[in-house]
Structure formats: C-alpha cells, structure tokens
C-alpha cells in the first residue's frame, strides 16, 4: 500500500524534532509505503516517482516511511532540494542494506534530519557535513556507521538509537551541541569532546563492556542527566580520579542498573 499525505499537521516521531508551522497544502510531502517482502518493483518505482515529483514542488518538510524497501531508489534530487528545512526518512527491512551514498548533498536550509535504516561510510557523512551547513537536529536510528566521527559545527541536538559503529575509537564533536541522546548503540567506547554547551544528556547502555567515561567526562556543564549503564559506581570512581564534577547539575536520573550502586561514591560529583 502506498499512501501519499499532502498535509499532515503532526510532529515527527523521533527525538529532537519539534513541531513547526508550515502551510501543509504547499510545504509538506508525506509518503507512507506499507508493504511486506512481496513488495514488487512496480510499487517501488511508483514511490520513487512520487518522491521525484515532490522534490520539484520545493517542499519545506518531507517525510518518507517505508516498511519494506526492496527495489526502492531514493532519487539523488532529494539530497539537493534547496527548499528543505526538515527531512525524515525511515526504511524498514530489505533484501540489501540501503547504502547512504548520494552523488551530492546540497541542503542549505535543512535544520532537522532523521535517518533510519541506512548504512553510511565516511564519504557519506562527509557529504552531509558540508552539504548541511545549518543543521541543528540529527537523529540516527538503526544506523550502521562506518565512519570515525560525527561532526557538525551547527548541531544542537544529536540522537543515536540502536546504532552500530565500525570504528572502536568513534567520537562525537559538536561545539554547539546542547542535547545528547545515546540509546543502546553497539560500540565498546564512544569518546566525545568539544561539547561545552551540552545542558541535557541521556546515556543508556545495557552492554557490560561499554566504556562511557569519555562521554560522561565531556558533560561538565550538563543540567539534566539520565544514566543507565552497568557498573555505574566504577564509572564514577574513574570520573573522580579525573577530577570531574557537575557544578550545574539540577536533575539526575539513574536507570535500573544503578540501584545497587554505592551512592556515596558519586555524591561528591554533585
């Protein structure tokens, strides 16, 4: 089933996306393709045609949702649509991974981007970096990332959920970042730096071998902090050894791994 929604005044269902005022008869294109593994190329070709036609109308907000995308081609014209301010693409399952490899990225007005179900390499992320100069909110879900870092100088909100990273020394560097959300990402260590403006962060890991101290150490100005990681007391002991304190912290939420922690270990951090 292919459903085209020309005007749909509801907020996008992902972290970091806020409701915005648009002329929904003219500025918004929303395409839902709900199928199964029997989805044939005819439907995929029709969906690709709708996307190409929508791009020609210069929308401000474009939302694509595919439960199955075998044979789907996302036209390169989508990534050079200079009118877009908000782009949401969710890909379900498919016969092959959908590689993020546009020929060119030129989205000079894009402020909010959500990508789900992609596989990206360094060159794809580099094109995003240079092609989205005013990007403020980036959300990655079920994202396989073979890149060494994420860097956007204008980024204020970063959300990563169920992402896999190929580099062991993966890092996040965004000097204007204010909100950081990391949930169940498959990686042994995430390092972060140059994020002095982060005021709200949520760090959730269930894997016991995850080292989150580098991320925690970069949140020295955080005001709202949620943490769910195994061996929290050990993490905070390491933070204490590095003379880490949270002088501006106003609200702290500890996840289910934290109930047996020695709370005295990290009270001095507050």
Protein backbone atom coordinates (compact mmCIF):
# COMPACT_ATOMS: atom_id res chain seq x y z
CA UNK A 1 0.00 0.00 0.00
CA UNK A 2 1.29 3.42 -0.89
CA UNK A 3 -0.24 6.38 0.91
CA UNK A 4 0.54 9.94 -0.03
CA UNK A 5 -0.25 12.57 2.58
CA UNK A 6 -0.03 16.11 1.23
CA UNK A 7 -0.85 17.82 4.50
CA UNK A 8 -0.44 16.13 7.85
CA UNK A 9 -0.06 18.51 10.83
CA UNK A 10 1.59 16.24 13.37
CA UNK A 11 5.06 16.18 14.84
CA UNK A 12 7.64 13.70 13.64
CA UNK A 13 8.04 10.70 15.94
CA UNK A 14 11.71 10.98 16.78
CA UNK A 15 13.97 12.65 19.30
CA UNK A 16 14.99 16.19 18.53
CA UNK A 17 12.12 17.06 16.23
CA UNK A 18 9.85 19.87 17.30
CA UNK A 19 6.52 20.94 15.75
CA UNK A 20 6.84 23.79 13.29
CA UNK A 21 4.37 25.92 11.39
CA UNK A 22 4.04 25.09 7.73
CA UNK A 23 1.48 25.63 5.01
CA UNK A 24 0.55 21.96 4.84
CA UNK A 25 -1.19 22.30 1.48
CA UNK A 26 2.01 23.51 -0.16
CA UNK A 27 5.08 22.95 2.02
CA UNK A 28 4.75 19.34 3.24
CA UNK A 29 5.04 15.98 1.49
CA UNK A 30 4.49 12.76 3.48
CA UNK A 31 4.74 9.37 1.76
CA UNK A 32 3.98 6.08 3.55
CA UNK A 33 4.69 2.81 1.76
CA UNK A 34 3.35 -0.06 3.86
CA UNK A 35 4.20 -3.44 2.36
CA UNK A 36 5.90 -6.75 3.01
CA UNK A 37 8.58 -8.88 1.39
CA UNK A 38 6.18 -9.30 -1.54
CA UNK A 39 6.56 -5.63 -2.45
CA UNK A 40 7.40 -5.59 -6.15
CA UNK A 41 9.43 -3.16 -8.17
CA UNK A 42 6.29 -1.62 -9.62
CA UNK A 43 5.33 -0.16 -6.26
CA UNK A 44 8.94 0.83 -5.57
CA UNK A 45 9.14 2.60 -8.91
CA UNK A 46 5.89 4.42 -8.19
CA UNK A 47 7.20 5.55 -4.80
CA UNK A 48 10.43 6.79 -6.38
CA UNK A 49 8.39 8.71 -8.96
CA UNK A 50 6.29 10.36 -6.22
CA UNK A 51 9.46 11.44 -4.41
CA UNK A 52 10.95 12.93 -7.56
CA UNK A 53 7.73 14.85 -8.27
CA UNK A 54 7.54 16.09 -4.69
CA UNK A 55 11.09 17.45 -4.82
CA UNK A 56 10.18 19.51 -7.89
CA UNK A 57 7.47 21.22 -5.80
CA UNK A 58 10.15 22.57 -3.44
CA UNK A 59 8.66 21.41 -0.10
CA UNK A 60 9.94 22.61 3.26
CA UNK A 61 9.20 19.34 5.04
CA UNK A 62 9.50 15.87 3.51
CA UNK A 63 8.73 12.64 5.38
CA UNK A 64 9.22 9.17 3.85
CA UNK A 65 8.31 5.93 5.63
CA UNK A 66 8.85 2.50 4.09
CA UNK A 67 8.18 -0.73 5.96
CA UNK A 68 9.92 -2.64 3.15
CA UNK A 69 12.12 -1.06 0.52
CA UNK A 70 13.36 -3.75 -1.85
CA UNK A 71 13.98 -2.11 -5.21
CA UNK A 72 13.37 1.39 -3.86
CA UNK A 73 15.54 4.13 -5.29
CA UNK A 74 15.75 7.39 -3.39
CA UNK A 75 16.41 9.92 -6.16
CA UNK A 76 19.57 12.00 -5.80
CA UNK A 77 17.46 15.11 -6.39
CA UNK A 78 16.13 14.67 -2.84
CA UNK A 79 19.57 15.49 -1.42
CA UNK A 80 19.93 18.71 -3.42
CA UNK A 81 16.48 20.11 -2.65
CA UNK A 82 17.44 23.60 -1.53
CA UNK A 83 13.98 24.34 -0.05
CA UNK A 84 14.02 21.57 2.57
CA UNK A 85 14.10 22.55 6.24
CA UNK A 86 13.08 19.16 7.65
CA UNK A 87 13.78 15.68 6.24
CA UNK A 88 12.63 12.38 7.75
CA UNK A 89 13.45 9.04 6.08
CA UNK A 90 12.61 5.71 7.73
CA UNK A 91 13.49 2.49 5.92
CA UNK A 92 12.31 -0.87 7.20
CA UNK A 93 13.74 -4.20 6.09
CA UNK A 94 15.02 -5.01 2.62
CA UNK A 95 16.87 -7.58 0.60
CA UNK A 96 20.03 -5.50 0.90
CA UNK A 97 21.27 -2.72 3.13
CA UNK A 98 20.43 0.73 1.86
CA UNK A 99 23.76 2.50 1.45
CA UNK A 100 23.75 6.24 2.00
CA UNK A 101 25.79 7.37 -0.98
CA UNK A 102 24.22 10.36 -2.76
CA UNK A 103 26.27 11.90 -5.54
CA UNK A 104 25.91 15.31 -3.93
CA UNK A 105 24.35 16.82 -0.82
CA UNK A 106 23.19 20.40 -1.02
CA UNK A 107 20.59 21.18 1.63
CA UNK A 108 21.43 24.78 2.61
CA UNK A 109 18.23 25.33 4.66
CA UNK A 110 17.96 21.91 6.31
CA UNK A 111 17.73 22.19 10.11
CA UNK A 112 16.24 18.81 11.11
CA UNK A 113 17.29 15.42 9.75
CA UNK A 114 16.17 11.92 10.73
CA UNK A 115 17.66 8.84 9.04
CA UNK A 116 16.60 5.30 9.95
CA UNK A 117 17.75 2.04 8.39
CA UNK A 118 20.80 3.28 6.49
CA UNK A 119 24.40 2.13 6.14
CA UNK A 120 26.82 5.05 5.84
CA UNK A 121 30.55 5.39 5.28
CA UNK A 122 32.99 8.24 5.87
CA UNK A 123 32.35 9.80 2.48
CA UNK A 124 28.57 9.85 3.03
CA UNK A 125 28.87 11.56 6.40
CA UNK A 126 31.42 14.00 5.00
CA UNK A 127 28.97 15.00 2.26
CA UNK A 128 26.29 15.55 4.92
CA UNK A 129 28.71 17.67 6.92
CA UNK A 130 29.49 20.01 4.03
CA UNK A 131 26.04 19.90 2.45
CA UNK A 132 24.03 20.79 5.58
CA UNK A 133 25.67 23.97 6.91
CA UNK A 134 22.79 24.98 9.24
CA UNK A 135 21.77 21.52 10.52
CA UNK A 136 20.57 21.80 14.13
CA UNK A 137 18.99 18.41 14.87
CA UNK A 138 20.26 14.98 13.76
CA UNK A 139 18.55 11.70 14.65
CA UNK A 140 20.02 8.32 13.63
CA UNK A 141 18.07 5.09 14.26
CA UNK A 142 19.13 1.54 13.32
CA UNK A 143 22.07 3.12 11.57
CA UNK A 144 25.23 1.25 10.60
CA UNK A 145 28.01 3.81 10.58
CA UNK A 146 31.43 3.03 9.15
CA UNK A 147 32.81 6.45 9.93
CA UNK A 148 35.24 7.62 12.56
CA UNK A 149 33.28 10.57 13.88
CA UNK A 150 30.21 12.78 13.72
CA UNK A 151 30.97 16.46 13.36
CA UNK A 152 28.53 19.26 12.59
CA UNK A 153 29.53 22.72 13.73
CA UNK A 154 25.93 23.98 13.90
CA UNK A 155 24.39 20.90 15.53
CA UNK A 156 22.38 21.46 18.73
CA UNK A 157 20.59 18.11 19.15
CA UNK A 158 22.03 14.65 18.45
CA UNK A 159 20.09 11.42 18.98
CA UNK A 160 21.50 7.95 18.25
CA UNK A 161 19.34 4.87 18.88
CA UNK A 162 20.30 1.25 18.14
CA UNK A 163 23.25 2.31 16.03
CA UNK A 164 26.29 0.20 15.17
CA UNK A 165 29.73 1.74 14.74
CA UNK A 166 32.59 0.15 12.87
CA UNK A 167 35.39 2.20 14.47
CA UNK A 168 36.38 1.37 18.03
CA UNK A 169 37.53 4.96 18.61
CA UNK A 170 34.33 6.57 17.31
CA UNK A 171 33.89 10.13 18.52
CA UNK A 172 31.34 12.94 18.59
CA UNK A 173 32.48 16.53 18.23
CA UNK A 174 29.96 19.36 18.00
CA UNK A 175 30.86 22.61 19.77
CA UNK A 176 27.28 23.98 19.88
CA UNK A 177 25.57 20.74 20.94
CA UNK A 178 23.00 21.26 23.71
CA UNK A 179 21.17 17.92 23.77
CA UNK A 180 22.74 14.44 23.52
CA UNK A 181 20.78 11.15 23.46
CA UNK A 182 22.58 7.78 23.12
CA UNK A 183 20.45 4.66 23.49
CA UNK A 184 21.56 1.05 23.04
CA UNK A 185 24.29 1.66 20.50
CA UNK A 186 26.56 -1.26 19.69
CA UNK A 187 30.03 0.03 20.45
CA UNK A 188 32.73 -0.56 23.02
CA UNK A 189 33.66 3.07 23.55
CA UNK A 190 32.33 6.45 22.49
CA UNK A 191 34.58 9.42 23.02
CA UNK A 192 33.37 12.98 22.82
CA UNK A 193 35.00 16.35 23.04
CA UNK A 194 34.42 20.00 22.29
CA UNK A 195 30.84 19.92 23.61
CA UNK A 196 30.89 22.56 26.35
CA UNK A 197 27.29 23.65 25.77
CA UNK A 198 25.51 20.34 26.44
CA UNK A 199 22.87 21.00 29.10
CA UNK A 200 20.78 17.83 28.75
CA UNK A 201 22.02 14.29 28.12
CA UNK A 202 20.69 10.75 28.23
CA UNK A 203 23.19 7.87 28.10
CA UNK A 204 21.66 4.37 28.02
CA UNK A 205 23.69 1.19 27.59
CA UNK A 206 22.88 -2.37 28.63
CA UNK A 207 26.14 -3.92 27.43
CA UNK A 208 28.56 -4.57 30.25
CA UNK A 209 31.69 -3.94 28.20
CA UNK A 210 30.75 -0.40 27.22
CA UNK A 211 33.09 2.33 28.40
CA UNK A 212 31.11 5.54 28.77
CA UNK A 213 33.53 7.58 30.83
CA UNK A 214 34.75 9.63 27.88
CA UNK A 215 31.20 10.72 27.13
CA UNK A 216 30.42 11.47 30.77
CA UNK A 217 33.62 13.49 31.13
CA UNK A 218 32.55 15.84 28.35
CA UNK A 219 29.27 16.75 30.09
CA UNK A 220 30.73 19.02 32.75
CA UNK A 221 28.11 21.75 32.12
CA UNK A 222 25.12 19.42 32.00
CA UNK A 223 21.99 20.43 33.94
CA UNK A 224 19.77 17.38 33.26
CA UNK A 225 21.40 13.94 33.13
CA UNK A 226 19.98 10.44 32.72
CA UNK A 227 22.36 7.49 33.00
CA UNK A 228 21.73 3.79 32.59
CA UNK A 229 24.99 1.84 32.37
CA UNK A 230 26.33 -1.30 34.09
CA UNK A 231 28.90 -0.76 36.84
CA UNK A 232 27.97 2.87 37.34
CA UNK A 233 29.95 3.15 40.57
CA UNK A 234 33.13 2.11 38.76
CA UNK A 235 32.47 4.69 36.09
CA UNK A 236 32.08 7.45 38.65
CA UNK A 237 35.17 6.36 40.53
CA UNK A 238 37.08 6.83 37.32
CA UNK A 239 35.42 10.21 36.87
CA UNK A 240 36.52 11.21 40.38
CA UNK A 241 40.09 10.26 39.55
CA UNK A 242 39.86 12.67 36.63
CA UNK A 243 38.58 15.43 38.97
CA UNK A 244 35.21 15.54 37.21
CA UNK A 245 32.36 17.45 38.84
CA UNK A 246 28.92 18.58 37.67
CA UNK A 247 28.58 22.07 39.16
CA UNK A 248 25.39 22.92 37.21
CA UNK A 249 23.53 19.61 37.56
CA UNK A 250 19.89 20.12 38.59
CA UNK A 251 18.27 16.76 37.82
CA UNK A 252 19.84 13.29 37.82
CA UNK A 253 18.01 10.12 36.75
CA UNK A 254 19.63 6.72 37.35
CA UNK A 255 18.50 3.67 35.39
CA UNK A 256 17.83 0.13 36.58
CA UNK A 257 21.49 -0.91 36.59
CA UNK A 258 22.19 1.76 39.17
CA UNK A 259 20.02 0.61 42.09
CA UNK A 260 22.82 -1.33 43.76
CA UNK A 261 25.44 1.38 43.40
CA UNK A 262 27.31 2.82 46.33
CA UNK A 263 25.72 6.25 46.17
CA UNK A 264 28.40 7.77 48.36
CA UNK A 265 30.84 7.23 45.52
CA UNK A 266 29.41 9.94 43.37
CA UNK A 267 27.67 12.34 45.77
CA UNK A 268 30.83 14.43 45.70
CA UNK A 269 30.28 14.98 41.97
CA UNK A 270 27.05 16.89 42.53
